[in-house]
Amino acid sequence: QPVDIELPDGNVLTLEPLERSSNGRRLGLKNF
């Protein structure tokens, strides 16, 4: 599931799990 990582400068990166589309031909994230 999405993981937040804090950076030293105060920014936050969100890592998300990859998902293949239902037809298996595309790659994305949930709702992306």
PDB file of all heavy atoms in Angstrom:
ATOM      1  N   GLN A   1       0.867  -1.196   0.000  1.00  0.00           N
ATOM      2  CA  GLN A   1       0.000   0.000   0.000  1.00  0.00           C
ATOM      3  C   GLN A   1       0.897   1.237   0.000  1.00  0.00           C
ATOM      4  O   GLN A   1       2.106   1.115   0.232  1.00  0.00           O
ATOM      5  CB  GLN A   1      -0.943   0.000   1.212  1.00  0.00           C
ATOM      6  CG  GLN A   1      -0.166   0.034   2.520  1.00  0.00           C
ATOM      7  CD  GLN A   1      -0.872  -0.850   3.518  1.00  0.00           C
ATOM      8  OE1 GLN A   1      -1.538  -1.786   3.123  1.00  0.00           O
ATOM      9  NE2 GLN A   1      -0.758  -0.566   4.782  1.00  0.00           N
ATOM     10  N   PRO A   2       0.325   2.443  -0.252  1.00  0.00           N
ATOM     11  CA  PRO A   2       1.187   3.626  -0.333  1.00  0.00           C
ATOM     12  C   PRO A   2       2.041   3.821   0.920  1.00  0.00           C
ATOM     13  O   PRO A   2       1.557   3.692   2.042  1.00  0.00           O
ATOM     14  CB  PRO A   2       0.194   4.770  -0.514  1.00  0.00           C
ATOM     15  CG  PRO A   2      -0.993   4.120  -1.175  1.00  0.00           C
ATOM     16  CD  PRO A   2      -1.077   2.739  -0.588  1.00  0.00           C
ATOM     17  N   VAL A   3       3.328   4.119   0.705  1.00  0.00           N
ATOM     18  CA  VAL A   3       4.257   4.348   1.828  1.00  0.00           C
ATOM     19  C   VAL A   3       4.825   5.765   1.686  1.00  0.00           C
ATOM     20  O   VAL A   3       5.314   6.144   0.622  1.00  0.00           O
ATOM     21  CB  VAL A   3       5.443   3.338   1.770  1.00  0.00           C
ATOM     22  CG1 VAL A   3       6.456   3.618   2.864  1.00  0.00           C
ATOM     23  CG2 VAL A   3       4.965   1.909   1.747  1.00  0.00           C
ATOM     24  N   ASP A   4       4.764   6.547   2.762  1.00  0.00           N
ATOM     25  CA  ASP A   4       5.342   7.905   2.740  1.00  0.00           C
ATOM     26  C   ASP A   4       6.775   7.864   3.262  1.00  0.00           C
ATOM     27  O   ASP A   4       7.045   7.263   4.305  1.00  0.00           O
ATOM     28  CB  ASP A   4       4.509   8.856   3.606  1.00  0.00           C
ATOM     29  CG  ASP A   4       3.188   9.210   2.910  1.00  0.00           C
ATOM     30  OD1 ASP A   4       3.083   8.969   1.689  1.00  0.00           O
ATOM     31  OD2 ASP A   4       2.266   9.718   3.588  1.00  0.00           O
ATOM     32  N   ILE A   5       7.673   8.535   2.564  1.00  0.00           N
ATOM     33  CA  ILE A   5       9.053   8.638   3.059  1.00  0.00           C
ATOM     34  C   ILE A   5       9.402  10.116   3.182  1.00  0.00           C
ATOM     35  O   ILE A   5       9.292  10.882   2.228  1.00  0.00           O
ATOM     36  CB  ILE A   5      10.049   7.965   2.079  1.00  0.00           C
ATOM     37  CG1 ILE A   5       9.677   6.493   1.887  1.00  0.00           C
ATOM     38  CG2 ILE A   5      11.470   8.091   2.558  1.00  0.00           C
ATOM     39  CD1 ILE A   5      10.492   5.791   0.825  1.00  0.00           C
ATOM     40  N   GLU A   6       9.834  10.487   4.381  1.00  0.00           N
ATOM     41  CA  GLU A   6      10.208  11.897   4.592  1.00  0.00           C
ATOM     42  C   GLU A   6      11.649  12.128   4.155  1.00  0.00           C
ATOM     43  O   GLU A   6      12.543  11.337   4.450  1.00  0.00           O
ATOM     44  CB  GLU A   6      10.065  12.245   6.083  1.00  0.00           C
ATOM     45  CG  GLU A   6       8.616  12.624   6.402  1.00  0.00           C
ATOM     46  CD  GLU A   6       8.460  13.279   7.751  1.00  0.00           C
ATOM     47  OE1 GLU A   6       9.283  14.133   8.093  1.00  0.00           O
ATOM     48  OE2 GLU A   6       7.499  12.913   8.451  1.00  0.00           O
ATOM     49  N   LEU A   7      11.883  13.254   3.487  1.00  0.00           N
ATOM     50  CA  LEU A   7      13.239  13.609   3.073  1.00  0.00           C
ATOM     51  C   LEU A   7      13.809  14.665   4.011  1.00  0.00           C
ATOM     52  O   LEU A   7      13.051  15.391   4.664  1.00  0.00           O
ATOM     53  CB  LEU A   7      13.219  14.158   1.638  1.00  0.00           C
ATOM     54  CG  LEU A   7      12.754  13.148   0.569  1.00  0.00           C
ATOM     55  CD1 LEU A   7      12.853  13.779  -0.816  1.00  0.00           C
ATOM     56  CD2 LEU A   7      13.599  11.886   0.599  1.00  0.00           C
ATOM     57  N   PRO A   8      15.139  14.797   4.070  1.00  0.00           N
ATOM     58  CA  PRO A   8      15.747  15.762   4.993  1.00  0.00           C
ATOM     59  C   PRO A   8      15.255  17.196   4.779  1.00  0.00           C
ATOM     60  O   PRO A   8      15.221  17.992   5.710  1.00  0.00           O
ATOM     61  CB  PRO A   8      17.254  15.670   4.677  1.00  0.00           C
ATOM     62  CG  PRO A   8      17.443  14.315   4.022  1.00  0.00           C
ATOM     63  CD  PRO A   8      16.167  13.978   3.368  1.00  0.00           C
ATOM     64  N   ASP A   9      14.867  17.546   3.542  1.00  0.00           N
ATOM     65  CA  ASP A   9      14.442  18.937   3.292  1.00  0.00           C
ATOM     66  C   ASP A   9      12.962  19.154   3.581  1.00  0.00           C
ATOM     67  O   ASP A   9      12.390  20.213   3.257  1.00  0.00           O
ATOM     68  CB  ASP A   9      14.745  19.341   1.842  1.00  0.00           C
ATOM     69  CG  ASP A   9      14.000  18.444   0.820  1.00  0.00           C
ATOM     70  OD1 ASP A   9      13.216  17.553   1.235  1.00  0.00           O
ATOM     71  OD2 ASP A   9      14.219  18.643  -0.397  1.00  0.00           O
ATOM     72  N   GLY A  10      12.315  18.162   4.193  1.00  0.00           N
ATOM     73  CA  GLY A  10      10.909  18.320   4.575  1.00  0.00           C
ATOM     74  C   GLY A  10       9.932  17.791   3.524  1.00  0.00           C
ATOM     75  O   GLY A  10       8.734  17.660   3.778  1.00  0.00           O
ATOM     76  N   ASN A  11      10.406  17.516   2.280  1.00  0.00           N
ATOM     77  CA  ASN A  11       9.521  16.938   1.269  1.00  0.00           C
ATOM     78  C   ASN A  11       9.129  15.513   1.644  1.00  0.00           C
ATOM     79  O   ASN A  11       9.862  14.821   2.365  1.00  0.00           O
ATOM     80  CB  ASN A  11      10.250  16.874  -0.087  1.00  0.00           C
ATOM     81  CG  ASN A  11      10.120  18.174  -0.842  1.00  0.00           C
ATOM     82  OD1 ASN A  11       9.134  18.850  -0.692  1.00  0.00           O
ATOM     83  ND2 ASN A  11      11.084  18.528  -1.701  1.00  0.00           N
ATOM     84  N   VAL A  12       7.990  15.068   1.121  1.00  0.00           N
ATOM     85  CA  VAL A  12       7.555  13.682   1.367  1.00  0.00           C
ATOM     86  C   VAL A  12       7.356  12.983   0.009  1.00  0.00           C
ATOM     87  O   VAL A  12       6.706  13.509  -0.882  1.00  0.00           O
ATOM     88  CB  VAL A  12       6.230  13.646   2.176  1.00  0.00           C
ATOM     89  CG1 VAL A  12       5.723  12.215   2.322  1.00  0.00           C
ATOM     90  CG2 VAL A  12       6.437  14.281   3.548  1.00  0.00           C
ATOM     91  N   LEU A  13       7.947  11.788  -0.127  1.00  0.00           N
ATOM     92  CA  LEU A  13       7.714  10.990  -1.328  1.00  0.00           C
ATOM     93  C   LEU A  13       6.736   9.866  -0.987  1.00  0.00           C
ATOM     94  O   LEU A  13       6.859   9.238   0.065  1.00  0.00           O
ATOM     95  CB  LEU A  13       9.023  10.356  -1.830  1.00  0.00           C
ATOM     96  CG  LEU A  13      10.096  11.298  -2.399  1.00  0.00           C
ATOM     97  CD1 LEU A  13      11.285  10.466  -2.890  1.00  0.00           C
ATOM     98  CD2 LEU A  13       9.555  12.145  -3.537  1.00  0.00           C
ATOM     99  N   THR A  14       5.790   9.623  -1.887  1.00  0.00           N
ATOM    100  CA  THR A  14       4.853   8.512  -1.654  1.00  0.00           C
ATOM    101  C   THR A  14       5.128   7.404  -2.673  1.00  0.00           C
ATOM    102  O   THR A  14       5.012   7.608  -3.883  1.00  0.00           O
ATOM    103  CB  THR A  14       3.394   9.003  -1.782  1.00  0.00           C
ATOM    104  OG1 THR A  14       3.222  10.107  -0.882  1.00  0.00           O
ATOM    105  CG2 THR A  14       2.412   7.915  -1.463  1.00  0.00           C
ATOM    106  N   LEU A  15       5.499   6.239  -2.144  1.00  0.00           N
ATOM    107  CA  LEU A  15       5.714   5.076  -3.016  1.00  0.00           C
ATOM    108  C   LEU A  15       4.443   4.243  -3.053  1.00  0.00           C
ATOM    109  O   LEU A  15       3.854   3.948  -2.005  1.00  0.00           O
ATOM    110  CB  LEU A  15       6.827   4.188  -2.441  1.00  0.00           C
ATOM    111  CG  LEU A  15       8.270   4.586  -2.740  1.00  0.00           C
ATOM    112  CD1 LEU A  15       9.184   3.672  -1.954  1.00  0.00           C
ATOM    113  CD2 LEU A  15       8.599   4.462  -4.212  1.00  0.00           C
ATOM    114  N   GLU A  16       4.047   3.828  -4.272  1.00  0.00           N
ATOM    115  CA  GLU A  16       2.802   3.061  -4.365  1.00  0.00           C
ATOM    116  C   GLU A  16       3.043   1.725  -5.065  1.00  0.00           C
ATOM    117  O   GLU A  16       3.981   1.592  -5.876  1.00  0.00           O
ATOM    118  CB  GLU A  16       1.757   3.877  -5.149  1.00  0.00           C
ATOM    119  CG  GLU A  16       1.452   5.231  -4.512  1.00  0.00           C
ATOM    120  CD  GLU A  16       0.430   6.041  -5.280  1.00  0.00           C
ATOM    121  OE1 GLU A  16      -0.726   5.591  -5.359  1.00  0.00           O
ATOM    122  OE2 GLU A  16       0.776   7.118  -5.794  1.00  0.00           O
ATOM    123  N   PRO A  17       2.195   0.724  -4.772  1.00  0.00           N
ATOM    124  CA  PRO A  17       2.380  -0.569  -5.448  1.00  0.00           C
ATOM    125  C   PRO A  17       1.949  -0.495  -6.924  1.00  0.00           C
ATOM    126  O   PRO A  17       0.957   0.164  -7.252  1.00  0.00           O
ATOM    127  CB  PRO A  17       1.476  -1.535  -4.660  1.00  0.00           C
ATOM    128  CG  PRO A  17       0.487  -0.653  -3.949  1.00  0.00           C
ATOM    129  CD  PRO A  17       1.118   0.671  -3.741  1.00  0.00           C
ATOM    130  N   LEU A  18       2.695  -1.144  -7.778  1.00  0.00           N
ATOM    131  CA  LEU A  18       2.367  -1.170  -9.208  1.00  0.00           C
ATOM    132  C   LEU A  18       1.174  -2.089  -9.453  1.00  0.00           C
ATOM    133  O   LEU A  18       0.997  -3.095  -8.772  1.00  0.00           O
ATOM    134  CB  LEU A  18       3.567  -1.691 -10.020  1.00  0.00           C
ATOM    135  CG  LEU A  18       4.808  -0.765 -10.042  1.00  0.00           C
ATOM    136  CD1 LEU A  18       5.994  -1.494 -10.640  1.00  0.00           C
ATOM    137  CD2 LEU A  18       4.518   0.506 -10.836  1.00  0.00           C
ATOM    138  N   GLU A  19       0.371  -1.754 -10.475  1.00  0.00           N
ATOM    139  CA  GLU A  19      -0.777  -2.618 -10.836  1.00  0.00           C
ATOM    140  C   GLU A  19      -0.840  -2.788 -12.349  1.00  0.00           C
ATOM    141  O   GLU A  19      -0.699  -1.811 -13.093  1.00  0.00           O
ATOM    142  CB  GLU A  19      -2.105  -1.966 -10.383  1.00  0.00           C
ATOM    143  CG  GLU A  19      -2.335  -1.986  -8.901  1.00  0.00           C
ATOM    144  CD  GLU A  19      -3.694  -1.373  -8.502  1.00  0.00           C
ATOM    145  OE1 GLU A  19      -4.507  -1.041  -9.420  1.00  0.00           O
ATOM    146  OE2 GLU A  19      -3.934  -1.230  -7.284  1.00  0.00           O
ATOM    147  N   ARG A  20      -1.076  -4.009 -12.826  1.00  0.00           N
ATOM    148  CA  ARG A  20      -1.359  -4.209 -14.243  1.00  0.00           C
ATOM    149  C   ARG A  20      -2.837  -4.013 -14.500  1.00  0.00           C
ATOM    150  O   ARG A  20      -3.677  -4.340 -13.656  1.00  0.00           O
ATOM    151  CB  ARG A  20      -0.942  -5.648 -14.667  1.00  0.00           C
ATOM    152  CG  ARG A  20       0.500  -5.877 -14.899  1.00  0.00           C
ATOM    153  CD  ARG A  20       1.187  -5.089 -15.980  1.00  0.00           C
ATOM    154  NE  ARG A  20       1.121  -5.584 -17.313  1.00  0.00           N
ATOM    155  CZ  ARG A  20       2.138  -6.171 -17.960  1.00  0.00           C
ATOM    156  NH1 ARG A  20       3.294  -6.336 -17.390  1.00  0.00           N
ATOM    157  NH2 ARG A  20       2.011  -6.563 -19.189  1.00  0.00           N
ATOM    158  N   SER A  21      -3.192  -3.451 -15.663  1.00  0.00           N
ATOM    159  CA  SER A  21      -4.610  -3.212 -15.984  1.00  0.00           C
ATOM    160  C   SER A  21      -5.336  -4.544 -16.144  1.00  0.00           C
ATOM    161  O   SER A  21      -4.709  -5.607 -16.300  1.00  0.00           O
ATOM    162  CB  SER A  21      -4.723  -2.410 -17.277  1.00  0.00           C
ATOM    163  OG  SER A  21      -4.142  -3.196 -18.350  1.00  0.00           O
ATOM    164  N   SER A  22      -6.659  -4.460 -16.165  1.00  0.00           N
ATOM    165  CA  SER A  22      -7.446  -5.709 -16.216  1.00  0.00           C
ATOM    166  C   SER A  22      -7.162  -6.498 -17.495  1.00  0.00           C
ATOM    167  O   SER A  22      -7.190  -7.728 -17.503  1.00  0.00           O
ATOM    168  CB  SER A  22      -8.940  -5.401 -16.096  1.00  0.00           C
ATOM    169  OG  SER A  22      -9.265  -4.369 -17.039  1.00  0.00           O
ATOM    170  N   ASN A  23      -6.839  -5.779 -18.627  1.00  0.00           N
ATOM    171  CA  ASN A  23      -6.515  -6.532 -19.862  1.00  0.00           C
ATOM    172  C   ASN A  23      -5.049  -6.990 -19.898  1.00  0.00           C
ATOM    173  O   ASN A  23      -4.601  -7.640 -20.857  1.00  0.00           O
ATOM    174  CB  ASN A  23      -6.853  -5.718 -21.126  1.00  0.00           C
ATOM    175  CG  ASN A  23      -5.954  -4.479 -21.281  1.00  0.00           C
ATOM    176  OD1 ASN A  23      -5.026  -4.262 -20.488  1.00  0.00           O
ATOM    177  ND2 ASN A  23      -6.184  -3.673 -22.315  1.00  0.00           N
ATOM    178  N   GLY A  24      -4.289  -6.575 -18.839  1.00  0.00           N
ATOM    179  CA  GLY A  24      -2.889  -7.029 -18.717  1.00  0.00           C
ATOM    180  C   GLY A  24      -1.915  -6.312 -19.636  1.00  0.00           C
ATOM    181  O   GLY A  24      -0.728  -6.606 -19.649  1.00  0.00           O
ATOM    182  N   ARG A  25      -2.408  -5.308 -20.401  1.00  0.00           N
ATOM    183  CA  ARG A  25      -1.530  -4.683 -21.400  1.00  0.00           C
ATOM    184  C   ARG A  25      -0.926  -3.357 -20.933  1.00  0.00           C
ATOM    185  O   ARG A  25      -0.073  -2.794 -21.587  1.00  0.00           O
ATOM    186  CB  ARG A  25      -2.318  -4.449 -22.706  1.00  0.00           C
ATOM    187  CG  ARG A  25      -2.731  -5.761 -23.383  1.00  0.00           C
ATOM    188  CD  ARG A  25      -3.628  -5.503 -24.579  1.00  0.00           C
ATOM    189  NE  ARG A  25      -2.916  -4.835 -25.676  1.00  0.00           N
ATOM    190  CZ  ARG A  25      -2.227  -5.466 -26.595  1.00  0.00           C
ATOM    191  NH1 ARG A  25      -2.108  -6.757 -26.558  1.00  0.00           N
ATOM    192  NH2 ARG A  25      -1.624  -4.784 -27.580  1.00  0.00           N
ATOM    193  N   ARG A  26      -1.425  -2.859 -19.774  1.00  0.00           N
ATOM    194  CA  ARG A  26      -0.915  -1.565 -19.299  1.00  0.00           C
ATOM    195  C   ARG A  26      -0.438  -1.693 -17.857  1.00  0.00           C
ATOM    196  O   ARG A  26      -0.860  -2.585 -17.122  1.00  0.00           O
ATOM    197  CB  ARG A  26      -2.017  -0.497 -19.390  1.00  0.00           C
ATOM    198  CG  ARG A  26      -2.461  -0.199 -20.797  1.00  0.00           C
ATOM    199  CD  ARG A  26      -3.569   0.839 -20.854  1.00  0.00           C
ATOM    200  NE  ARG A  26      -3.072   2.217 -20.579  1.00  0.00           N
ATOM    201  CZ  ARG A  26      -2.558   3.010 -21.487  1.00  0.00           C
ATOM    202  NH1 ARG A  26      -2.460   2.601 -22.730  1.00  0.00           N
ATOM    203  NH2 ARG A  26      -2.148   4.234 -21.164  1.00  0.00           N
ATOM    204  N   LEU A  27       0.385  -0.735 -17.448  1.00  0.00           N
ATOM    205  CA  LEU A  27       0.904  -0.724 -16.087  1.00  0.00           C
ATOM    206  C   LEU A  27       0.606   0.642 -15.492  1.00  0.00           C
ATOM    207  O   LEU A  27       0.760   1.671 -16.143  1.00  0.00           O
ATOM    208  CB  LEU A  27       2.428  -0.970 -16.112  1.00  0.00           C
ATOM    209  CG  LEU A  27       3.156  -0.994 -14.751  1.00  0.00           C
ATOM    210  CD1 LEU A  27       2.693  -2.163 -13.908  1.00  0.00           C
ATOM    211  CD2 LEU A  27       4.680  -1.088 -14.957  1.00  0.00           C
ATOM    212  N   GLY A  28       0.174   0.627 -14.222  1.00  0.00           N
ATOM    213  CA  GLY A  28      -0.092   1.925 -13.592  1.00  0.00           C
ATOM    214  C   GLY A  28      -0.174   1.742 -12.084  1.00  0.00           C
ATOM    215  O   GLY A  28       0.386   0.812 -11.501  1.00  0.00           O
ATOM    216  N   LEU A  29      -0.895   2.663 -11.448  1.00  0.00           N
ATOM    217  CA  LEU A  29      -1.148   2.588 -10.012  1.00  0.00           C
ATOM    218  C   LEU A  29      -2.656   2.624  -9.841  1.00  0.00           C
ATOM    219  O   LEU A  29      -3.397   2.818 -10.799  1.00  0.00           O
ATOM    220  CB  LEU A  29      -0.525   3.790  -9.288  1.00  0.00           C
ATOM    221  CG  LEU A  29       0.951   4.099  -9.585  1.00  0.00           C
ATOM    222  CD1 LEU A  29       1.332   5.456  -8.988  1.00  0.00           C
ATOM    223  CD2 LEU A  29       1.850   2.996  -9.021  1.00  0.00           C
ATOM    224  N   LYS A  30      -3.092   2.482  -8.628  1.00  0.00           N
ATOM    225  CA  LYS A  30      -4.534   2.565  -8.373  1.00  0.00           C
ATOM    226  C   LYS A  30      -5.047   3.947  -8.821  1.00  0.00           C
ATOM    227  O   LYS A  30      -4.484   4.979  -8.409  1.00  0.00           O
ATOM    228  CB  LYS A  30      -4.777   2.349  -6.870  1.00  0.00           C
ATOM    229  CG  LYS A  30      -6.236   2.084  -6.549  1.00  0.00           C
ATOM    230  CD  LYS A  30      -6.398   1.705  -5.092  1.00  0.00           C
ATOM    231  CE  LYS A  30      -7.909   1.438  -4.875  1.00  0.00           C
ATOM    232  NZ  LYS A  30      -8.120   1.103  -3.514  1.00  0.00           N
ATOM    233  N   ASN A  31      -6.044   3.975  -9.681  1.00  0.00           N
ATOM    234  CA  ASN A  31      -6.643   5.223 -10.212  1.00  0.00           C
ATOM    235  C   ASN A  31      -5.627   6.120 -10.912  1.00  0.00           C
ATOM    236  O   ASN A  31      -5.710   7.349 -10.870  1.00  0.00           O
ATOM    237  CB  ASN A  31      -7.332   6.030  -9.084  1.00  0.00           C
ATOM    238  CG  ASN A  31      -8.371   5.206  -8.367  1.00  0.00           C
ATOM    239  OD1 ASN A  31      -9.052   4.401  -9.014  1.00  0.00           O
ATOM    240  ND2 ASN A  31      -8.516   5.349  -7.055  1.00  0.00           N
ATOM    241  N   PHE A  32      -4.604   5.523 -11.527  1.00  0.00           N
ATOM    242  CA  PHE A  32      -3.588   6.321 -12.214  1.00  0.00           C
ATOM    243  C   PHE A  32      -3.102   5.540 -13.431  1.00  0.00           C
ATOM    244  O   PHE A  32      -2.449   4.502 -13.311  1.00  0.00           O
ATOM    245  CB  PHE A  32      -2.414   6.606 -11.259  1.00  0.00           C
ATOM    246  CG  PHE A  32      -1.385   7.582 -11.803  1.00  0.00           C
ATOM    247  CD1 PHE A  32      -1.643   8.942 -11.860  1.00  0.00           C
ATOM    248  CD2 PHE A  32      -0.137   7.129 -12.238  1.00  0.00           C
ATOM    249  CE1 PHE A  32      -0.683   9.844 -12.342  1.00  0.00           C
ATOM    250  CE2 PHE A  32       0.827   8.017 -12.719  1.00  0.00           C
ATOM    251  CZ  PHE A  32       0.554   9.388 -12.760  1.00  0.00           C
TER     252      PHE A  32
END
